[in-house]
């Protein structure tokens, strides 16, 4: 699609380190869901491409948008350079010593690789599978160090191998994209007797990623998972992308504890659920699943019996059970002790 020119072109020798073509990265679309799938906010785009994106390259693409009415462009020639290589020099794109790889010539409003054509005619969608197919790259390998991948675009000049100084500055552009395929380590649960009636609070140790403490976690709960489970979740394995009926997933947990509501899981007394936790870094890389812990539903009987024996009146309905966590069981024990002392004092006073 042809966009009309709206300003005077600079001289062919104009210097620009990254080019002046008004092209920007406007979206990273991956295989996740919600904010993990289509990232359009600049702070999310700055997080870059993560390992789940790399692992599912045919379902991941990056969109670049040309400001309308700025330059006349019909198609973009795309080359890829990694790290310090920006592909500006002719030698970087000329065999046999080339250090950049050509992805292709993409019509504005079109796409390459498995990416779908964009809805707007001033956008190109670059499939990650097409990028990886252009050369032998390691920046998408599991655990790879954070890398910068430079997307070098030239307007309407197919298979361009000259120096950028020979073309107008507003007909080329270098746009760096961060690639981070190194997920953090999996969290470990703290020791504890995780049992209760209605709710159990599980706790884990914080995880450090990139020199700072991880602030986002996900918790997976598989009802009856401690009795064989569905096989959908495996401790130490990769977390599933999609949520199924076999388990629940809780998002955006910013602390290192989580309340598992046993009463919502359909567990009977004596049955257990398996709980896993994962850590997420700033690129939305998710760690492997932790080893699971079992949370067990147990009765907390005895509260009302002690209350009625001490007070000689019916137990309030709101106090019929004390459920939730190991701490509530300890609270019940302490309460029963106080009731015993109180009853003894009343008898002694008589």
Protein backbone atom coordinates (compact mmCIF):
# COMPACT_ATOMS: atom_id res chain seq x y z
CA UNK A 1 0.00 0.00 0.00
CA UNK A 2 1.40 3.42 -1.01
CA UNK A 3 1.69 6.21 1.56
CA UNK A 4 1.98 9.78 0.27
CA UNK A 5 4.96 11.99 0.98
CA UNK A 6 4.36 14.94 3.30
CA UNK A 7 7.76 16.51 3.86
CA UNK A 8 10.95 17.33 2.03
CA UNK A 9 13.55 14.58 1.86
CA UNK A 10 16.98 15.15 3.40
CA UNK A 11 20.09 14.92 1.26
CA UNK A 12 21.32 11.40 0.41
CA UNK A 13 24.43 11.94 2.55
CA UNK A 14 22.56 12.92 5.72
CA UNK A 15 24.03 11.11 8.71
CA UNK A 16 21.81 9.16 11.09
CA UNK A 17 23.02 6.39 13.36
CA UNK A 18 19.73 4.50 13.29
CA UNK A 19 18.08 6.06 10.27
CA UNK A 20 15.21 8.51 10.26
CA UNK A 21 12.43 6.47 8.69
CA UNK A 22 9.48 6.93 11.11
CA UNK A 23 9.12 3.21 11.82
CA UNK A 24 8.53 1.92 15.36
CA UNK A 25 7.89 -1.36 17.17
CA UNK A 26 4.22 -1.27 18.13
CA UNK A 27 3.42 -4.83 19.27
CA UNK A 28 4.86 -8.19 20.24
CA UNK A 29 2.28 -10.93 19.84
CA UNK A 30 2.97 -14.33 21.40
CA UNK A 31 1.31 -17.61 22.37
CA UNK A 32 0.20 -16.66 25.87
CA UNK A 33 -3.03 -14.97 26.87
CA UNK A 34 -4.03 -11.55 28.14
CA UNK A 35 -1.10 -9.20 28.65
CA UNK A 36 1.32 -12.09 28.10
CA UNK A 37 0.05 -12.53 24.54
CA UNK A 38 -0.30 -9.18 22.80
CA UNK A 39 2.01 -6.57 24.27
CA UNK A 40 1.36 -3.05 23.00
CA UNK A 41 2.35 -0.81 25.91
CA UNK A 42 5.87 0.52 25.48
CA UNK A 43 6.96 -0.80 28.87
CA UNK A 44 5.81 -4.29 27.87
CA UNK A 45 7.43 -4.08 24.44
CA UNK A 46 10.65 -3.06 26.19
CA UNK A 47 10.53 -6.35 28.12
CA UNK A 48 11.16 -8.00 24.77
CA UNK A 49 10.69 -11.49 23.39
CA UNK A 50 10.74 -14.23 26.03
CA UNK A 51 11.35 -17.98 26.06
CA UNK A 52 7.69 -18.94 25.58
CA UNK A 53 7.68 -16.76 22.48
CA UNK A 54 10.85 -18.47 21.25
CA UNK A 55 9.52 -21.93 22.09
CA UNK A 56 6.44 -21.16 19.98
CA UNK A 57 8.04 -19.17 17.19
CA UNK A 58 5.33 -19.98 14.66
CA UNK A 59 2.79 -18.31 16.98
CA UNK A 60 4.89 -15.22 17.68
CA UNK A 61 5.38 -12.09 15.61
CA UNK A 62 6.55 -8.50 15.97
CA UNK A 63 4.67 -5.61 14.40
CA UNK A 64 6.38 -2.50 13.04
CA UNK A 65 4.33 0.58 12.16
CA UNK A 66 5.25 3.37 9.75
CA UNK A 67 3.88 6.79 10.65
CA UNK A 68 1.32 7.60 7.94
CA UNK A 69 1.88 10.55 5.63
CA UNK A 70 5.63 10.74 6.29
CA UNK A 71 7.46 8.97 3.44
CA UNK A 72 6.50 7.10 0.30
CA UNK A 73 7.01 3.41 1.06
CA UNK A 74 5.65 0.32 -0.64
CA UNK A 75 7.86 -2.41 0.83
CA UNK A 76 10.64 -2.96 3.36
CA UNK A 77 13.80 -5.03 2.96
CA UNK A 78 14.73 -6.61 6.31
CA UNK A 79 18.10 -7.77 7.64
CA UNK A 80 18.96 -9.07 11.11
CA UNK A 81 22.06 -8.32 13.19
CA UNK A 82 22.81 -9.44 16.76
CA UNK A 83 24.45 -7.49 19.55
CA UNK A 84 26.73 -4.74 18.26
CA UNK A 85 26.04 -5.64 14.63
CA UNK A 86 23.57 -3.14 13.19
CA UNK A 87 23.96 -4.09 9.48
CA UNK A 88 24.71 -0.52 8.34
CA UNK A 89 27.89 -1.38 6.44
CA UNK A 90 27.88 -2.99 3.03
CA UNK A 91 30.37 -5.63 4.19
CA UNK A 92 27.98 -6.83 6.91
CA UNK A 93 25.51 -7.84 4.20
CA UNK A 94 27.90 -9.07 1.50
CA UNK A 95 29.15 -12.67 1.18
CA UNK A 96 31.35 -14.36 2.10
CA UNK A 97 32.02 -12.27 5.22
CA UNK A 98 28.46 -11.14 5.98
CA UNK A 99 27.52 -10.88 9.66
CA UNK A 100 23.86 -10.04 9.03
CA UNK A 101 21.18 -12.28 7.58
CA UNK A 102 18.39 -11.26 5.27
CA UNK A 103 14.82 -12.08 6.33
CA UNK A 104 13.00 -10.89 3.22
CA UNK A 105 11.22 -8.17 1.31
CA UNK A 106 7.85 -7.41 2.90
CA UNK A 107 5.07 -5.35 1.37
CA UNK A 108 3.66 -2.69 3.67
CA UNK A 109 0.44 -4.10 5.09
CA UNK A 110 1.86 -7.62 4.75
CA UNK A 111 3.75 -10.19 6.79
CA UNK A 112 6.46 -12.82 6.66
CA UNK A 113 6.78 -16.26 8.23
CA UNK A 114 3.69 -17.51 10.07
CA UNK A 115 2.58 -14.04 11.11
CA UNK A 116 -0.90 -13.03 9.92
CA UNK A 117 -1.30 -9.96 7.73
CA UNK A 118 -1.95 -6.90 9.92
CA UNK A 119 -5.24 -5.03 9.84
CA UNK A 120 -3.56 -1.72 9.03
CA UNK A 121 -1.86 -1.01 5.70
CA UNK A 122 1.01 0.92 7.32
CA UNK A 123 2.15 -2.08 9.41
CA UNK A 124 4.36 -5.09 8.71
CA UNK A 125 4.22 -8.24 10.85
CA UNK A 126 7.48 -10.18 11.12
CA UNK A 127 7.07 -13.81 12.20
CA UNK A 128 9.64 -15.01 14.71
CA UNK A 129 9.94 -18.26 12.76
CA UNK A 130 11.11 -16.26 9.72
CA UNK A 131 13.72 -14.48 11.85
CA UNK A 132 15.09 -17.75 13.24
CA UNK A 133 15.12 -19.36 9.79
CA UNK A 134 17.37 -16.59 8.46
CA UNK A 135 20.46 -17.87 10.30
CA UNK A 136 21.89 -20.07 13.03
CA UNK A 137 21.04 -18.12 16.16
CA UNK A 138 21.29 -18.97 19.85
CA UNK A 139 19.46 -15.99 21.35
CA UNK A 140 16.24 -18.04 21.49
CA UNK A 141 17.79 -21.09 23.17
CA UNK A 142 16.57 -21.95 26.67
CA UNK A 143 18.69 -20.15 29.24
CA UNK A 144 20.45 -17.93 26.67
CA UNK A 145 21.85 -14.64 27.87
CA UNK A 146 19.84 -11.51 27.17
CA UNK A 147 20.55 -10.33 23.62
CA UNK A 148 19.74 -7.36 21.42
CA UNK A 149 18.52 -8.23 17.93
CA UNK A 150 18.72 -5.34 15.48
CA UNK A 151 16.07 -5.16 12.76
CA UNK A 152 17.57 -3.23 9.83
CA UNK A 153 14.92 -1.97 7.39
CA UNK A 154 15.46 -0.35 4.00
CA UNK A 155 12.53 1.12 2.07
CA UNK A 156 11.80 -0.01 -1.50
CA UNK A 157 15.24 -1.46 -2.17
CA UNK A 158 15.09 -5.24 -2.41
CA UNK A 159 18.18 -7.17 -1.29
CA UNK A 160 20.00 -3.93 -0.49
CA UNK A 161 23.75 -4.49 -0.05
CA UNK A 162 25.13 -0.96 -0.27
CA UNK A 163 26.14 1.43 2.50
CA UNK A 164 23.40 3.44 4.17
CA UNK A 165 25.18 6.66 3.22
CA UNK A 166 24.06 6.14 -0.37
CA UNK A 167 20.33 6.41 0.44
CA UNK A 168 18.13 9.02 2.09
CA UNK A 169 18.19 8.86 5.88
CA UNK A 170 14.41 8.60 6.04
CA UNK A 171 14.48 5.45 3.90
CA UNK A 172 16.19 3.21 6.43
CA UNK A 173 15.87 2.41 10.10
CA UNK A 174 17.46 0.19 12.78
CA UNK A 175 15.14 -0.97 15.55
CA UNK A 176 16.60 -3.04 18.42
CA UNK A 177 14.43 -5.68 20.10
CA UNK A 178 15.36 -7.36 23.37
CA UNK A 179 15.42 -11.17 23.49
CA UNK A 180 15.42 -12.81 26.92
CA UNK A 181 15.08 -16.59 26.85
CA UNK A 182 16.42 -17.24 30.35
CA UNK A 183 13.62 -18.03 32.84
CA UNK A 184 14.31 -17.64 36.57
CA UNK A 185 14.82 -20.59 38.88
CA UNK A 186 11.77 -22.36 40.25
CA UNK A 187 10.71 -21.35 43.77
CA UNK A 188 10.77 -23.77 46.69
CA UNK A 189 8.03 -24.04 49.29
CA UNK A 190 8.76 -23.45 52.95
CA UNK A 191 8.36 -26.39 55.27
CA UNK A 192 5.00 -26.56 56.95
CA UNK A 193 2.02 -28.69 57.86
CA UNK A 194 -0.34 -27.46 55.17
CA UNK A 195 -3.74 -28.60 56.39
CA UNK A 196 -7.00 -26.91 57.25
CA UNK A 197 -10.74 -26.94 56.79
CA UNK A 198 -11.61 -24.09 54.45
CA UNK A 199 -8.38 -22.26 53.62
CA UNK A 200 -4.67 -23.02 53.80
CA UNK A 201 -1.94 -20.41 53.33
CA UNK A 202 1.11 -21.76 51.50
CA UNK A 203 4.46 -19.96 51.59
CA UNK A 204 7.57 -20.14 49.42
CA UNK A 205 11.07 -18.68 49.39
CA UNK A 206 11.66 -15.60 47.20
CA UNK A 207 13.48 -16.00 43.88
CA UNK A 208 16.17 -13.68 42.53
CA UNK A 209 16.35 -13.06 38.78
CA UNK A 210 18.72 -10.66 37.05
CA UNK A 211 20.16 -9.50 40.35
CA UNK A 212 16.84 -8.45 41.84
CA UNK A 213 14.06 -10.26 43.64
CA UNK A 214 11.26 -11.57 41.46
CA UNK A 215 8.00 -9.78 42.21
CA UNK A 216 5.56 -11.88 40.17
CA UNK A 217 4.50 -15.45 40.79
CA UNK A 218 1.86 -17.86 39.56
CA UNK A 219 0.23 -20.56 41.67
CA UNK A 220 -1.20 -23.72 40.15
CA UNK A 221 -3.63 -25.91 42.12
CA UNK A 222 -4.57 -29.41 40.97
CA UNK A 223 -7.46 -30.91 42.99
CA UNK A 224 -6.60 -34.42 44.15
CA UNK A 225 -3.27 -34.01 42.41
CA UNK A 226 -1.51 -35.71 45.30
CA UNK A 227 -3.42 -38.90 44.51
CA UNK A 228 -2.09 -39.32 41.00
CA UNK A 229 -3.55 -36.25 39.36
CA UNK A 230 -4.23 -35.60 35.72
CA UNK A 231 -0.62 -35.48 34.57
CA UNK A 232 -1.14 -31.92 33.34
CA UNK A 233 1.34 -30.61 35.93
CA UNK A 234 4.71 -32.20 36.67
CA UNK A 235 7.08 -30.87 39.29
CA UNK A 236 10.24 -29.52 37.67
CA UNK A 237 8.60 -29.46 34.23
CA UNK A 238 7.54 -26.57 32.04
CA UNK A 239 4.24 -24.91 32.98
CA UNK A 240 1.44 -25.29 30.44
CA UNK A 241 0.50 -22.28 28.32
CA UNK A 242 -3.23 -22.92 28.42
CA UNK A 243 -5.38 -23.49 31.51
CA UNK A 244 -7.52 -26.64 31.46
CA UNK A 245 -10.23 -28.06 33.71
CA UNK A 246 -7.58 -30.20 35.41
CA UNK A 247 -6.13 -27.30 37.41
CA UNK A 248 -6.51 -23.64 38.33
CA UNK A 249 -3.94 -20.89 37.86
CA UNK A 250 -3.72 -17.67 39.86
CA UNK A 251 -1.95 -14.70 38.29
CA UNK A 252 0.04 -11.63 39.33
CA UNK A 253 0.87 -12.74 42.84
CA UNK A 254 3.29 -10.16 44.19
CA UNK A 255 4.10 -11.68 47.59
CA UNK A 256 5.51 -15.05 48.63
CA UNK A 257 2.33 -16.56 50.05
CA UNK A 258 -1.06 -17.57 48.74
CA UNK A 259 -4.34 -18.67 50.35
CA UNK A 260 -5.64 -21.91 48.82
CA UNK A 261 -9.40 -22.11 49.36
CA UNK A 262 -10.02 -25.80 49.91
CA UNK A 263 -13.76 -25.30 50.18
CA UNK A 264 -13.81 -24.18 46.52
CA UNK A 265 -11.97 -27.24 45.22
CA UNK A 266 -14.63 -29.81 46.03
CA UNK A 267 -12.33 -31.71 48.39
CA UNK A 268 -13.79 -34.03 50.98
CA UNK A 269 -12.32 -34.36 54.46
CA UNK A 270 -9.02 -36.23 54.17
CA UNK A 271 -8.47 -35.41 50.49
CA UNK A 272 -5.51 -33.37 49.24
CA UNK A 273 -4.71 -30.98 46.41
CA UNK A 274 -1.30 -30.49 44.81
CA UNK A 275 0.02 -26.93 44.75
CA UNK A 276 2.84 -25.65 42.51
CA UNK A 277 4.37 -22.19 42.20
CA UNK A 278 6.39 -20.54 39.42
CA UNK A 279 8.38 -17.30 39.29
CA UNK A 280 8.20 -14.74 36.47
CA UNK A 281 10.89 -12.23 35.52
CA UNK A 282 10.45 -8.82 33.91
CA UNK A 283 10.32 -10.35 30.41
CA UNK A 284 7.41 -12.54 31.55
CA UNK A 285 9.67 -15.58 31.44
CA UNK A 286 8.10 -18.21 33.66
CA UNK A 287 10.23 -20.66 35.61
CA UNK A 288 9.73 -24.38 35.66
CA UNK A 289 7.07 -25.65 38.05
CA UNK A 290 8.21 -26.07 41.63
CA UNK A 291 8.04 -29.44 43.25
CA UNK A 292 4.48 -29.76 44.56
CA UNK A 293 3.25 -29.69 48.12
CA UNK A 294 0.04 -31.31 49.29
CA UNK A 295 -2.60 -29.31 51.11
CA UNK A 296 -5.08 -31.49 52.96
CA UNK A 297 -8.60 -30.77 54.08
CA UNK A 298 -9.04 -31.78 57.73
CA UNK A 299 -11.85 -31.18 60.22
CA UNK A 300 -11.36 -28.63 62.98
CA UNK A 301 -13.98 -30.09 65.29
CA UNK A 302 -14.07 -29.32 69.01
CA UNK A 303 -14.43 -25.55 69.05
CA UNK A 304 -18.20 -25.50 69.65
CA UNK A 305 -18.09 -28.35 72.15
CA UNK A 306 -15.54 -26.46 74.26
CA UNK A 307 -17.44 -23.18 73.94
CA UNK A 308 -20.79 -24.70 74.99
CA UNK A 309 -19.19 -26.59 77.90
CA UNK A 310 -17.58 -23.42 79.21
CA UNK A 311 -20.42 -20.95 78.61
CA UNK A 312 -23.47 -23.17 78.91
CA UNK A 313 -25.04 -21.62 75.81
CA UNK A 314 -25.25 -22.52 72.10
CA UNK A 315 -22.22 -21.92 69.93
CA UNK A 316 -22.62 -18.88 67.60
CA UNK A 317 -23.02 -20.00 63.99
CA UNK A 318 -20.15 -17.77 62.91
CA UNK A 319 -17.87 -19.69 65.24
CA UNK A 320 -18.97 -23.17 64.27
CA UNK A 321 -15.61 -23.94 62.67
CA UNK A 322 -12.14 -22.54 62.79
CA UNK A 323 -10.67 -23.26 59.41
CA UNK A 324 -8.08 -22.09 57.05
CA UNK A 325 -4.51 -22.81 57.92
CA UNK A 326 -2.08 -24.41 60.34
CA UNK A 327 -2.13 -21.16 62.31
CA UNK A 328 -5.88 -21.47 62.84
CA UNK A 329 -5.37 -24.96 64.25
CA UNK A 330 -2.81 -23.53 66.67
CA UNK A 331 -5.25 -20.76 67.55
CA UNK A 332 -7.89 -23.37 68.31
CA UNK A 333 -5.49 -25.18 70.63
CA UNK A 334 -4.67 -21.95 72.41
CA UNK A 335 -8.35 -21.07 72.70
CA UNK A 336 -9.19 -24.46 74.18
CA UNK A 337 -6.41 -23.93 76.72
CA UNK A 338 -7.85 -20.55 77.69
CA UNK A 339 -11.31 -22.09 77.95
CA UNK A 340 -9.95 -24.72 80.32
CA UNK A 341 -8.29 -22.08 82.51
CA UNK A 342 -11.43 -19.93 82.46
CA UNK A 343 -13.63 -22.89 83.43
CA UNK A 344 -11.28 -23.87 86.25
CA UNK A 345 -11.31 -20.34 87.66
CA UNK A 346 -15.11 -20.16 87.58
CA UNK A 347 -15.36 -23.44 89.46
CA UNK A 348 -12.73 -22.31 91.97
CA UNK A 349 -14.60 -19.03 92.53
CA UNK A 350 -17.72 -20.97 93.43
